[in-house]
Amino acid sequence: MERTNNLLYDFSQTTIPTDTLDDDYLALPGLFGASVTAMMLAYPALTHVVKMWFVRRWGM
């Protein structure tokens, strides 16, 4: 099974050296969208709520 997985992975990576991108696309730095910033602000609060739920539910 592991050999099959390795073969599939290696085969999927064969197109990377032949991949081409426009020079205009590479010249400009990428910008983070508002969704990334919102996730960075919301994720800690969400994980805290989930942790507190586990503490209350199972008394950890």
N, C-alpha and C. Protein backbone atom coordinates (compact mmCIF):
# COMPACT_ATOMS: atom_id res chain seq x y z
N MET A 1 0.83 -1.19 0.00
CA MET A 1 0.00 0.00 0.00
C MET A 1 0.87 1.26 0.00
N GLU A 2 1.95 1.22 0.78
CA GLU A 2 2.82 2.39 0.86
C GLU A 2 3.50 2.67 -0.48
N ARG A 3 3.88 1.62 -1.18
CA ARG A 3 4.50 1.81 -2.49
C ARG A 3 3.54 2.45 -3.47
N THR A 4 2.28 2.04 -3.41
CA THR A 4 1.28 2.63 -4.29
C THR A 4 1.09 4.11 -3.97
N ASN A 5 1.06 4.42 -2.69
CA ASN A 5 0.90 5.81 -2.27
C ASN A 5 2.09 6.65 -2.74
N ASN A 6 3.29 6.12 -2.58
CA ASN A 6 4.48 6.84 -3.03
C ASN A 6 4.49 7.03 -4.53
N LEU A 7 4.08 6.01 -5.26
CA LEU A 7 4.03 6.11 -6.72
C LEU A 7 3.02 7.16 -7.16
N LEU A 8 1.85 7.17 -6.54
CA LEU A 8 0.83 8.17 -6.89
C LEU A 8 1.32 9.58 -6.56
N TYR A 9 1.98 9.73 -5.43
CA TYR A 9 2.50 11.04 -5.06
C TYR A 9 3.58 11.50 -6.04
N ASP A 10 4.52 10.61 -6.35
CA ASP A 10 5.59 10.96 -7.28
C ASP A 10 5.04 11.32 -8.65
N PHE A 11 4.05 10.57 -9.10
CA PHE A 11 3.45 10.86 -10.40
C PHE A 11 2.76 12.22 -10.41
N SER A 12 2.12 12.58 -9.30
CA SER A 12 1.43 13.87 -9.26
C SER A 12 2.40 15.05 -9.24
N GLN A 13 3.64 14.81 -8.82
CA GLN A 13 4.61 15.89 -8.73
C GLN A 13 5.40 16.10 -10.03
N THR A 14 5.19 15.26 -11.02
CA THR A 14 5.98 15.36 -12.25
C THR A 14 5.65 16.61 -13.06
N THR A 15 4.52 17.22 -12.85
CA THR A 15 4.16 18.41 -13.63
C THR A 15 4.75 19.69 -13.05
N ILE A 16 5.26 19.66 -11.86
CA ILE A 16 5.76 20.89 -11.23
C ILE A 16 6.90 21.54 -12.01
N PRO A 17 7.90 20.81 -12.48
CA PRO A 17 8.98 21.48 -13.23
C PRO A 17 8.53 22.12 -14.53
N THR A 18 7.45 21.65 -15.11
CA THR A 18 6.98 22.20 -16.38
C THR A 18 5.91 23.28 -16.20
N ASP A 19 5.57 23.60 -14.97
CA ASP A 19 4.54 24.60 -14.70
C ASP A 19 5.09 25.99 -15.03
N THR A 20 4.30 26.81 -15.68
CA THR A 20 4.72 28.16 -16.03
C THR A 20 3.71 29.17 -15.49
N LEU A 21 4.22 30.29 -15.03
CA LEU A 21 3.39 31.39 -14.55
C LEU A 21 3.79 32.65 -15.30
N ASP A 22 2.84 33.55 -15.45
CA ASP A 22 3.13 34.82 -16.12
C ASP A 22 4.10 35.64 -15.28
N ASP A 23 5.00 36.34 -15.95
CA ASP A 23 5.96 37.19 -15.24
C ASP A 23 5.24 38.32 -14.50
N ASP A 24 4.14 38.82 -15.05
CA ASP A 24 3.38 39.87 -14.38
C ASP A 24 2.81 39.38 -13.06
N TYR A 25 2.38 38.13 -13.04
CA TYR A 25 1.82 37.55 -11.81
C TYR A 25 2.90 37.40 -10.74
N LEU A 26 4.09 37.02 -11.16
CA LEU A 26 5.17 36.81 -10.20
C LEU A 26 5.79 38.11 -9.72
N ALA A 27 5.65 39.19 -10.47
CA ALA A 27 6.28 40.47 -10.11
C ALA A 27 5.60 41.13 -8.92
N LEU A 28 4.30 40.92 -8.75
CA LEU A 28 3.57 41.57 -7.67
C LEU A 28 3.45 40.64 -6.46
N PRO A 29 3.65 41.18 -5.27
CA PRO A 29 3.47 40.33 -4.08
C PRO A 29 2.00 40.02 -3.88
N GLY A 30 1.72 38.86 -3.33
CA GLY A 30 0.34 38.48 -3.05
C GLY A 30 -0.19 39.21 -1.84
N LEU A 31 -1.47 39.51 -1.85
CA LEU A 31 -2.11 40.20 -0.74
C LEU A 31 -3.05 39.25 -0.02
N PHE A 32 -3.06 39.33 1.30
CA PHE A 32 -4.00 38.54 2.06
C PHE A 32 -5.37 39.18 1.98
N GLY A 33 -6.36 38.38 1.80
CA GLY A 33 -7.72 38.88 1.75
C GLY A 33 -8.26 39.13 3.14
N ALA A 34 -9.41 39.76 3.20
CA ALA A 34 -10.04 40.05 4.48
C ALA A 34 -10.45 38.77 5.19
N SER A 35 -10.70 37.71 4.45
CA SER A 35 -11.12 36.47 5.07
C SER A 35 -10.01 35.86 5.93
N VAL A 36 -8.77 36.04 5.51
CA VAL A 36 -7.65 35.52 6.30
C VAL A 36 -7.53 36.30 7.61
N THR A 37 -7.67 37.61 7.53
CA THR A 37 -7.60 38.44 8.72
C THR A 37 -8.74 38.11 9.67
N ALA A 38 -9.93 37.93 9.14
CA ALA A 38 -11.08 37.57 9.97
C ALA A 38 -10.86 36.22 10.64
N MET A 39 -10.29 35.27 9.92
CA MET A 39 -10.01 33.97 10.51
C MET A 39 -8.98 34.09 11.63
N MET A 40 -7.96 34.93 11.43
CA MET A 40 -6.93 35.10 12.46
C MET A 40 -7.51 35.71 13.73
N LEU A 41 -8.52 36.52 13.59
CA LEU A 41 -9.15 37.13 14.76
C LEU A 41 -10.18 36.22 15.41
N ALA A 42 -10.89 35.43 14.61
CA ALA A 42 -11.97 34.60 15.14
C ALA A 42 -11.50 33.25 15.66
N TYR A 43 -10.44 32.70 15.11
CA TYR A 43 -10.01 31.35 15.46
C TYR A 43 -9.65 31.19 16.94
N PRO A 44 -8.87 32.09 17.55
CA PRO A 44 -8.56 31.90 18.97
C PRO A 44 -9.80 31.90 19.86
N ALA A 45 -10.75 32.77 19.58
CA ALA A 45 -11.97 32.82 20.37
C ALA A 45 -12.78 31.54 20.19
N LEU A 46 -12.86 31.05 18.97
CA LEU A 46 -13.59 29.82 18.71
C LEU A 46 -12.96 28.63 19.41
N THR A 47 -11.66 28.52 19.36
CA THR A 47 -11.00 27.39 20.02
C THR A 47 -11.16 27.48 21.53
N HIS A 48 -11.18 28.67 22.07
CA HIS A 48 -11.38 28.82 23.51
C HIS A 48 -12.78 28.33 23.90
N VAL A 49 -13.78 28.67 23.13
CA VAL A 49 -15.15 28.23 23.41
C VAL A 49 -15.23 26.71 23.33
N VAL A 50 -14.61 26.11 22.34
CA VAL A 50 -14.64 24.65 22.19
C VAL A 50 -13.94 23.99 23.37
N LYS A 51 -12.81 24.53 23.79
CA LYS A 51 -12.09 23.96 24.93
C LYS A 51 -12.93 24.05 26.20
N MET A 52 -13.57 25.18 26.42
CA MET A 52 -14.41 25.32 27.61
C MET A 52 -15.60 24.37 27.57
N TRP A 53 -16.14 24.10 26.37
CA TRP A 53 -17.23 23.15 26.25
C TRP A 53 -16.77 21.76 26.66
N PHE A 54 -15.57 21.37 26.21
CA PHE A 54 -15.03 20.07 26.60
C PHE A 54 -14.81 19.99 28.12
N VAL A 55 -14.31 21.06 28.71
CA VAL A 55 -14.07 21.07 30.14
C VAL A 55 -15.37 20.89 30.91
N ARG A 56 -16.40 21.63 30.50
CA ARG A 56 -17.68 21.53 31.20
C ARG A 56 -18.37 20.19 30.93
N ARG A 57 -18.23 19.68 29.71
CA ARG A 57 -18.94 18.45 29.33
C ARG A 57 -18.33 17.23 30.01
N TRP A 58 -17.04 17.13 30.02
CA TRP A 58 -16.39 15.92 30.54
C TRP A 58 -15.57 16.16 31.81
N GLY A 59 -15.62 17.34 32.34
CA GLY A 59 -14.96 17.63 33.62
C GLY A 59 -13.47 17.41 33.60
N MET A 60 -12.84 17.81 32.54
CA MET A 60 -11.39 17.63 32.43
C MET A 60 -10.65 18.65 33.27
